[in-house]
Amino acid sequence: MASKSRSDSGLVALSILLGVFFLLEGFDKAPWLINPSLLVTQSLQNWARTGVRISRWYVETICIRGAPIFARLIFLGEVATGIALILGKWTRVAATVAFFMVLNIHFAHSRLFQYGFLSQGDGLPVLGVYWLC
């Protein structure tokens, strides 16, 4: 029984830590609420120039055109996901949302197609942890 409670405690701690990570990531994007064009000028234009073909198409065709909506949704999604994971409410839903947000961001800036996605802490390890939550 002690092993079960220890693993449960570990998952709770992991959920809280990832919640803090997502909450702070969301707070970094708070200016996007007022000025969603910051998403385009700070990230999307660069990703469109430097990304692989499929990511460039995605950024140019979908992301840049939808930036006024996506900028706000990203902020709200990251903050809501962070709060849910910290409070332990709707953790499966929040972890699923987080999983797809992380996958989407790495696809958009072509990190998904680079070795760094596998070797750096903000790529595959983050996806794997959200899978556990």
C-alpha atoms as a PDB file:
ATOM      1  CA  MET A   1       0.000   0.000   0.000  1.00  0.00           C
ATOM      2  CA  ALA A   2       2.822   2.438   0.767  1.00  0.00           C
ATOM      3  CA  SER A   3       4.080   2.118  -2.796  1.00  0.00           C
ATOM      4  CA  LYS A   4       0.655   3.065  -4.177  1.00  0.00           C
ATOM      5  CA  SER A   5       0.395   6.186  -2.004  1.00  0.00           C
ATOM      6  CA  ARG A   6       3.967   7.159  -2.861  1.00  0.00           C
ATOM      7  CA  SER A   7       3.278   6.902  -6.602  1.00  0.00           C
ATOM      8  CA  ASP A   8       0.038   8.855  -6.136  1.00  0.00           C
ATOM      9  CA  SER A   9       1.963  11.543  -4.257  1.00  0.00           C
ATOM     10  CA  GLY A  10       4.532  11.644  -7.025  1.00  0.00           C
ATOM     11  CA  LEU A  11       1.845  12.162  -9.670  1.00  0.00           C
ATOM     12  CA  VAL A  12       0.252  14.913  -7.593  1.00  0.00           C
ATOM     13  CA  ALA A  13       3.617  16.653  -7.227  1.00  0.00           C
ATOM     14  CA  LEU A  14       4.278  16.260 -10.944  1.00  0.00           C
ATOM     15  CA  SER A  15       0.860  17.673 -11.774  1.00  0.00           C
ATOM     16  CA  ILE A  16       1.438  20.695  -9.522  1.00  0.00           C
ATOM     17  CA  LEU A  17       4.894  21.386 -10.961  1.00  0.00           C
ATOM     18  CA  LEU A  18       3.654  21.126 -14.534  1.00  0.00           C
ATOM     19  CA  GLY A  19       0.720  23.328 -13.595  1.00  0.00           C
ATOM     20  CA  VAL A  20       3.117  26.006 -12.366  1.00  0.00           C
ATOM     21  CA  PHE A  21       5.121  25.635 -15.589  1.00  0.00           C
ATOM     22  CA  PHE A  22       2.026  26.127 -17.743  1.00  0.00           C
ATOM     23  CA  LEU A  23       0.674  28.953 -15.595  1.00  0.00           C
ATOM     24  CA  LEU A  24       3.933  30.892 -15.910  1.00  0.00           C
ATOM     25  CA  GLU A  25       4.097  30.159 -19.646  1.00  0.00           C
ATOM     26  CA  GLY A  26       0.607  31.619 -19.909  1.00  0.00           C
ATOM     27  CA  PHE A  27       1.464  34.720 -17.889  1.00  0.00           C
ATOM     28  CA  ASP A  28       4.317  35.407 -20.313  1.00  0.00           C
ATOM     29  CA  LYS A  29       1.670  35.708 -23.018  1.00  0.00           C
ATOM     30  CA  ALA A  30      -0.623  38.118 -21.162  1.00  0.00           C
ATOM     31  CA  PRO A  31       0.294  41.015 -23.518  1.00  0.00           C
ATOM     32  CA  TRP A  32      -1.236  38.964 -26.343  1.00  0.00           C
ATOM     33  CA  LEU A  33      -4.684  39.609 -24.855  1.00  0.00           C
ATOM     34  CA  ILE A  34      -4.404  43.312 -25.636  1.00  0.00           C
ATOM     35  CA  ASN A  35      -2.171  43.071 -28.691  1.00  0.00           C
ATOM     36  CA  PRO A  36      -2.551  39.688 -30.449  1.00  0.00           C
ATOM     37  CA  SER A  37      -0.308  40.860 -33.293  1.00  0.00           C
ATOM     38  CA  LEU A  38       2.607  40.240 -30.911  1.00  0.00           C
ATOM     39  CA  LEU A  39       2.160  36.531 -31.612  1.00  0.00           C
ATOM     40  CA  VAL A  40       2.804  37.213 -35.287  1.00  0.00           C
ATOM     41  CA  THR A  41       5.708  39.626 -34.848  1.00  0.00           C
ATOM     42  CA  GLN A  42       7.414  37.806 -31.971  1.00  0.00           C
ATOM     43  CA  SER A  43       7.096  34.218 -33.167  1.00  0.00           C
ATOM     44  CA  LEU A  44       5.088  33.286 -36.222  1.00  0.00           C
ATOM     45  CA  GLN A  45       6.923  35.357 -38.834  1.00  0.00           C
ATOM     46  CA  ASN A  46      10.249  33.895 -37.755  1.00  0.00           C
ATOM     47  CA  TRP A  47       8.866  30.353 -37.724  1.00  0.00           C
ATOM     48  CA  ALA A  48       7.427  30.858 -41.214  1.00  0.00           C
ATOM     49  CA  ARG A  49      10.869  31.920 -42.482  1.00  0.00           C
ATOM     50  CA  THR A  50      12.898  29.182 -40.836  1.00  0.00           C
ATOM     51  CA  GLY A  51      10.583  26.184 -40.544  1.00  0.00           C
ATOM     52  CA  VAL A  52      10.362  23.035 -42.563  1.00  0.00           C
ATOM     53  CA  ARG A  53       7.887  23.024 -45.440  1.00  0.00           C
ATOM     54  CA  ILE A  54       4.874  21.531 -43.613  1.00  0.00           C
ATOM     55  CA  SER A  55       5.376  23.812 -40.598  1.00  0.00           C
ATOM     56  CA  ARG A  56       5.755  26.874 -42.849  1.00  0.00           C
ATOM     57  CA  TRP A  57       2.500  25.995 -44.575  1.00  0.00           C
ATOM     58  CA  TYR A  58       0.746  25.538 -41.215  1.00  0.00           C
ATOM     59  CA  VAL A  59       2.046  28.832 -39.825  1.00  0.00           C
ATOM     60  CA  GLU A  60       1.352  30.864 -42.969  1.00  0.00           C
ATOM     61  CA  THR A  61      -2.034  29.346 -43.776  1.00  0.00           C
ATOM     62  CA  ILE A  62      -3.577  28.789 -40.362  1.00  0.00           C
ATOM     63  CA  CYS A  63      -1.637  30.406 -37.531  1.00  0.00           C
ATOM     64  CA  ILE A  64      -0.952  33.875 -38.942  1.00  0.00           C
ATOM     65  CA  ARG A  65      -4.482  34.230 -40.307  1.00  0.00           C
ATOM     66  CA  GLY A  66      -5.989  33.115 -37.002  1.00  0.00           C
ATOM     67  CA  ALA A  67      -3.548  34.986 -34.764  1.00  0.00           C
ATOM     68  CA  PRO A  68      -6.137  37.399 -33.279  1.00  0.00           C
ATOM     69  CA  ILE A  69      -8.089  34.417 -31.960  1.00  0.00           C
ATOM     70  CA  PHE A  70      -5.220  31.996 -31.316  1.00  0.00           C
ATOM     71  CA  ALA A  71      -3.179  34.529 -29.315  1.00  0.00           C
ATOM     72  CA  ARG A  72      -5.991  34.861 -26.797  1.00  0.00           C
ATOM     73  CA  LEU A  73      -6.809  31.142 -26.791  1.00  0.00           C
ATOM     74  CA  ILE A  74      -3.191  30.228 -26.127  1.00  0.00           C
ATOM     75  CA  PHE A  75      -3.039  32.561 -23.133  1.00  0.00           C
ATOM     76  CA  LEU A  76      -6.366  31.361 -21.734  1.00  0.00           C
ATOM     77  CA  GLY A  77      -5.582  27.699 -22.438  1.00  0.00           C
ATOM     78  CA  GLU A  78      -2.199  27.802 -20.743  1.00  0.00           C
ATOM     79  CA  VAL A  79      -3.461  29.668 -17.684  1.00  0.00           C
ATOM     80  CA  ALA A  80      -6.572  27.478 -17.322  1.00  0.00           C
ATOM     81  CA  THR A  81      -4.525  24.308 -17.790  1.00  0.00           C
ATOM     82  CA  GLY A  82      -1.987  25.473 -15.219  1.00  0.00           C
ATOM     83  CA  ILE A  83      -4.665  26.292 -12.653  1.00  0.00           C
ATOM     84  CA  ALA A  84      -6.459  22.974 -13.214  1.00  0.00           C
ATOM     85  CA  LEU A  85      -3.238  20.990 -12.775  1.00  0.00           C
ATOM     86  CA  ILE A  86      -2.247  22.932  -9.656  1.00  0.00           C
ATOM     87  CA  LEU A  87      -5.673  22.504  -8.039  1.00  0.00           C
ATOM     88  CA  GLY A  88      -6.006  18.881  -9.121  1.00  0.00           C
ATOM     89  CA  LYS A  89      -9.323  19.519 -10.854  1.00  0.00           C
ATOM     90  CA  TRP A  90     -10.018  18.120 -14.317  1.00  0.00           C
ATOM     91  CA  THR A  91      -6.422  16.925 -14.454  1.00  0.00           C
ATOM     92  CA  ARG A  92      -6.986  14.402 -17.266  1.00  0.00           C
ATOM     93  CA  VAL A  93      -8.673  17.037 -19.422  1.00  0.00           C
ATOM     94  CA  ALA A  94      -6.027  19.635 -18.557  1.00  0.00           C
ATOM     95  CA  ALA A  95      -3.184  17.205 -19.257  1.00  0.00           C
ATOM     96  CA  THR A  96      -4.737  16.276 -22.601  1.00  0.00           C
ATOM     97  CA  VAL A  97      -5.102  19.939 -23.549  1.00  0.00           C
ATOM     98  CA  ALA A  98      -1.516  20.587 -22.446  1.00  0.00           C
ATOM     99  CA  PHE A  99      -0.263  17.599 -24.438  1.00  0.00           C
ATOM    100  CA  PHE A 100      -1.819  18.918 -27.639  1.00  0.00           C
ATOM    101  CA  MET A 101      -0.728  22.520 -26.990  1.00  0.00           C
ATOM    102  CA  VAL A 102       2.887  21.397 -26.543  1.00  0.00           C
ATOM    103  CA  LEU A 103       2.695  19.192 -29.626  1.00  0.00           C
ATOM    104  CA  ASN A 104       1.176  22.054 -31.645  1.00  0.00           C
ATOM    105  CA  ILE A 105       3.800  24.612 -30.627  1.00  0.00           C
ATOM    106  CA  HIS A 106       6.648  22.235 -31.462  1.00  0.00           C
ATOM    107  CA  PHE A 107       5.072  21.409 -34.816  1.00  0.00           C
ATOM    108  CA  ALA A 108       4.559  25.106 -35.642  1.00  0.00           C
ATOM    109  CA  HIS A 109       8.171  26.083 -35.031  1.00  0.00           C
ATOM    110  CA  SER A 110       9.570  22.873 -36.551  1.00  0.00           C
ATOM    111  CA  ARG A 111      11.108  21.655 -33.290  1.00  0.00           C
ATOM    112  CA  LEU A 112       9.183  18.429 -33.708  1.00  0.00           C
ATOM    113  CA  PHE A 113      11.467  17.642 -36.652  1.00  0.00           C
ATOM    114  CA  GLN A 114      14.755  18.341 -34.848  1.00  0.00           C
ATOM    115  CA  TYR A 115      16.953  16.295 -32.536  1.00  0.00           C
ATOM    116  CA  GLY A 116      16.471  18.947 -29.834  1.00  0.00           C
ATOM    117  CA  PHE A 117      12.848  17.874 -29.472  1.00  0.00           C
ATOM    118  CA  LEU A 118      14.079  14.529 -28.162  1.00  0.00           C
ATOM    119  CA  SER A 119      16.998  15.801 -26.110  1.00  0.00           C
ATOM    120  CA  GLN A 120      15.822  19.035 -24.472  1.00  0.00           C
ATOM    121  CA  GLY A 121      13.484  19.302 -21.509  1.00  0.00           C
ATOM    122  CA  ASP A 122      10.703  21.271 -23.162  1.00  0.00           C
ATOM    123  CA  GLY A 123       9.957  18.682 -25.856  1.00  0.00           C
ATOM    124  CA  LEU A 124       9.497  14.947 -25.552  1.00  0.00           C
ATOM    125  CA  PRO A 125       9.938  14.830 -21.742  1.00  0.00           C
ATOM    126  CA  VAL A 126       7.120  17.349 -21.266  1.00  0.00           C
ATOM    127  CA  LEU A 127       4.856  15.381 -23.601  1.00  0.00           C
ATOM    128  CA  GLY A 128       5.675  12.180 -21.744  1.00  0.00           C
ATOM    129  CA  VAL A 129       4.856  13.688 -18.387  1.00  0.00           C
ATOM    130  CA  TYR A 130       1.503  15.024 -19.578  1.00  0.00           C
ATOM    131  CA  TRP A 131       0.747  11.539 -20.806  1.00  0.00           C
ATOM    132  CA  LEU A 132       1.190  10.298 -17.222  1.00  0.00           C
ATOM    133  CA  CYS A 133      -1.061  12.909 -15.609  1.00  0.00           C
END
